Amino acid sequence: MATRKTYTPQFKFRLVVECLEGKRADSEVARAHDVHPVTLAAWKKQFLDHGAEVFGGKEEVKKAEKRQAQLERMLGQKELEIALLRNFMGKP
């Protein structure tokens, strides 16, 4: 049974960028890097559909989402404080 190749997110990204630059055909890029053209086409489609988070960086995406949620909570707290202060001061 053949073992399945694994590729790093950086490698996938580099190949997709190389394809998108258009200097060489996708099949040439795939052949030069010993990747099946169908695999490269799938990577390219995933990248175009979902952007940078496709090839890894899930930790970075999760970290950014966590930070965004934290900032949204802080914003909500500040809005509540402002509303309470306005109410306390008698301003609508």
C-alpha atoms as a PDB file:
ATOM      1  CA  MET A   1       0.000   0.000   0.000  1.00  0.00           C
ATOM      2  CA  ALA A   2       1.341   3.450  -0.905  1.00  0.00           C
ATOM      3  CA  THR A   3       1.929   5.974   1.827  1.00  0.00           C
ATOM      4  CA  ARG A   4       0.189   9.293   1.539  1.00  0.00           C
ATOM      5  CA  LYS A   5       2.350  12.382   1.091  1.00  0.00           C
ATOM      6  CA  THR A   6       1.889  15.284   3.434  1.00  0.00           C
ATOM      7  CA  TYR A   7       2.787  18.859   2.620  1.00  0.00           C
ATOM      8  CA  THR A   8       3.380  21.836   4.869  1.00  0.00           C
ATOM      9  CA  PRO A   9       1.050  24.823   4.711  1.00  0.00           C
ATOM     10  CA  GLN A  10       3.984  26.964   3.559  1.00  0.00           C
ATOM     11  CA  PHE A  11       4.703  24.598   0.657  1.00  0.00           C
ATOM     12  CA  LYS A  12       1.058  24.596  -0.432  1.00  0.00           C
ATOM     13  CA  PHE A  13       0.863  28.367  -0.228  1.00  0.00           C
ATOM     14  CA  ARG A  14       4.085  28.805  -2.204  1.00  0.00           C
ATOM     15  CA  LEU A  15       2.806  26.563  -5.005  1.00  0.00           C
ATOM     16  CA  VAL A  16      -0.587  28.263  -5.150  1.00  0.00           C
ATOM     17  CA  VAL A  17       1.071  31.679  -5.352  1.00  0.00           C
ATOM     18  CA  GLU A  18       3.347  30.378  -8.076  1.00  0.00           C
ATOM     19  CA  CYS A  19       0.277  29.237 -10.025  1.00  0.00           C
ATOM     20  CA  LEU A  20      -1.531  32.529  -9.500  1.00  0.00           C
ATOM     21  CA  GLU A  21       1.462  34.523 -10.742  1.00  0.00           C
ATOM     22  CA  GLY A  22       0.850  32.917 -14.118  1.00  0.00           C
ATOM     23  CA  LYS A  23       4.486  32.646 -15.199  1.00  0.00           C
ATOM     24  CA  ARG A  24       4.100  28.891 -15.721  1.00  0.00           C
ATOM     25  CA  ALA A  25       1.138  26.618 -16.320  1.00  0.00           C
ATOM     26  CA  ASP A  26      -0.332  24.882 -13.277  1.00  0.00           C
ATOM     27  CA  SER A  27       0.689  21.498 -14.670  1.00  0.00           C
ATOM     28  CA  GLU A  28       4.304  22.673 -14.994  1.00  0.00           C
ATOM     29  CA  VAL A  29       4.345  23.898 -11.409  1.00  0.00           C
ATOM     30  CA  ALA A  30       2.888  20.585 -10.227  1.00  0.00           C
ATOM     31  CA  ARG A  31       5.419  18.569 -12.218  1.00  0.00           C
ATOM     32  CA  ALA A  32       8.342  20.687 -11.006  1.00  0.00           C
ATOM     33  CA  HIS A  33       7.406  20.071  -7.368  1.00  0.00           C
ATOM     34  CA  ASP A  34       6.296  16.441  -7.733  1.00  0.00           C
ATOM     35  CA  VAL A  35       2.661  17.155  -6.859  1.00  0.00           C
ATOM     36  CA  HIS A  36      -0.293  15.735  -8.750  1.00  0.00           C
ATOM     37  CA  PRO A  37      -1.988  18.450 -10.852  1.00  0.00           C
ATOM     38  CA  VAL A  38      -5.404  17.576  -9.400  1.00  0.00           C
ATOM     39  CA  THR A  39      -4.023  18.071  -5.893  1.00  0.00           C
ATOM     40  CA  LEU A  40      -2.589  21.445  -6.852  1.00  0.00           C
ATOM     41  CA  ALA A  41      -5.892  22.451  -8.461  1.00  0.00           C
ATOM     42  CA  ALA A  42      -7.708  21.531  -5.234  1.00  0.00           C
ATOM     43  CA  TRP A  43      -5.286  23.637  -3.177  1.00  0.00           C
ATOM     44  CA  LYS A  44      -5.757  26.549  -5.549  1.00  0.00           C
ATOM     45  CA  LYS A  45      -9.570  26.280  -5.357  1.00  0.00           C
ATOM     46  CA  GLN A  46      -9.481  26.066  -1.558  1.00  0.00           C
ATOM     47  CA  PHE A  47      -7.268  29.122  -1.375  1.00  0.00           C
ATOM     48  CA  LEU A  48      -9.449  31.155  -3.721  1.00  0.00           C
ATOM     49  CA  ASP A  49     -12.606  30.105  -1.851  1.00  0.00           C
ATOM     50  CA  HIS A  50     -11.385  30.453   1.726  1.00  0.00           C
ATOM     51  CA  GLY A  51      -8.240  32.549   1.730  1.00  0.00           C
ATOM     52  CA  ALA A  52      -5.162  32.206   3.874  1.00  0.00           C
ATOM     53  CA  GLU A  53      -6.725  30.161   6.662  1.00  0.00           C
ATOM     54  CA  VAL A  54      -6.974  27.150   4.328  1.00  0.00           C
ATOM     55  CA  PHE A  55      -3.421  25.882   4.544  1.00  0.00           C
ATOM     56  CA  GLY A  56      -2.927  26.025   8.238  1.00  0.00           C
ATOM     57  CA  GLY A  57      -2.644  28.808  10.652  1.00  0.00           C
ATOM     58  CA  LYS A  58      -5.715  27.515  12.423  1.00  0.00           C
ATOM     59  CA  GLU A  59      -4.027  28.538  15.651  1.00  0.00           C
ATOM     60  CA  GLU A  60      -3.641  32.082  14.348  1.00  0.00           C
ATOM     61  CA  VAL A  61      -7.253  32.161  13.175  1.00  0.00           C
ATOM     62  CA  LYS A  62      -8.471  30.857  16.539  1.00  0.00           C
ATOM     63  CA  LYS A  63      -6.274  33.374  18.342  1.00  0.00           C
ATOM     64  CA  ALA A  64      -7.645  36.219  16.204  1.00  0.00           C
ATOM     65  CA  GLU A  65     -11.229  35.064  16.757  1.00  0.00           C
ATOM     66  CA  LYS A  66     -10.617  34.841  20.505  1.00  0.00           C
ATOM     67  CA  ARG A  67      -9.137  38.354  20.511  1.00  0.00           C
ATOM     68  CA  GLN A  68     -12.079  39.653  18.475  1.00  0.00           C
ATOM     69  CA  ALA A  69     -14.552  38.119  20.922  1.00  0.00           C
ATOM     70  CA  GLN A  70     -12.634  39.665  23.822  1.00  0.00           C
ATOM     71  CA  LEU A  71     -12.712  43.103  22.173  1.00  0.00           C
ATOM     72  CA  GLU A  72     -16.429  42.756  21.435  1.00  0.00           C
ATOM     73  CA  ARG A  73     -17.088  41.931  25.108  1.00  0.00           C
ATOM     74  CA  MET A  74     -15.044  44.944  26.190  1.00  0.00           C
ATOM     75  CA  LEU A  75     -16.950  47.158  23.762  1.00  0.00           C
ATOM     76  CA  GLY A  76     -20.254  45.883  25.115  1.00  0.00           C
ATOM     77  CA  GLN A  77     -19.125  46.581  28.677  1.00  0.00           C
ATOM     78  CA  LYS A  78     -18.075  50.122  27.764  1.00  0.00           C
ATOM     79  CA  GLU A  79     -21.379  50.772  26.007  1.00  0.00           C
ATOM     80  CA  LEU A  80     -23.207  49.565  29.098  1.00  0.00           C
ATOM     81  CA  GLU A  81     -21.086  51.830  31.316  1.00  0.00           C
ATOM     82  CA  ILE A  82     -21.784  54.807  29.068  1.00  0.00           C
ATOM     83  CA  ALA A  83     -25.526  54.075  29.109  1.00  0.00           C
ATOM     84  CA  LEU A  84     -25.493  53.815  32.914  1.00  0.00           C
ATOM     85  CA  LEU A  85     -23.556  57.075  33.261  1.00  0.00           C
ATOM     86  CA  ARG A  86     -25.926  58.858  30.871  1.00  0.00           C
ATOM     87  CA  ASN A  87     -28.890  57.532  32.839  1.00  0.00           C
ATOM     88  CA  PHE A  88     -27.277  58.585  36.118  1.00  0.00           C
ATOM     89  CA  MET A  89     -26.593  62.069  34.792  1.00  0.00           C
ATOM     90  CA  GLY A  90     -30.135  62.390  33.470  1.00  0.00           C
ATOM     91  CA  LYS A  91     -29.153  62.689  29.807  1.00  0.00           C
ATOM     92  CA  PRO A  92     -31.063  60.648  27.231  1.00  0.00           C
END
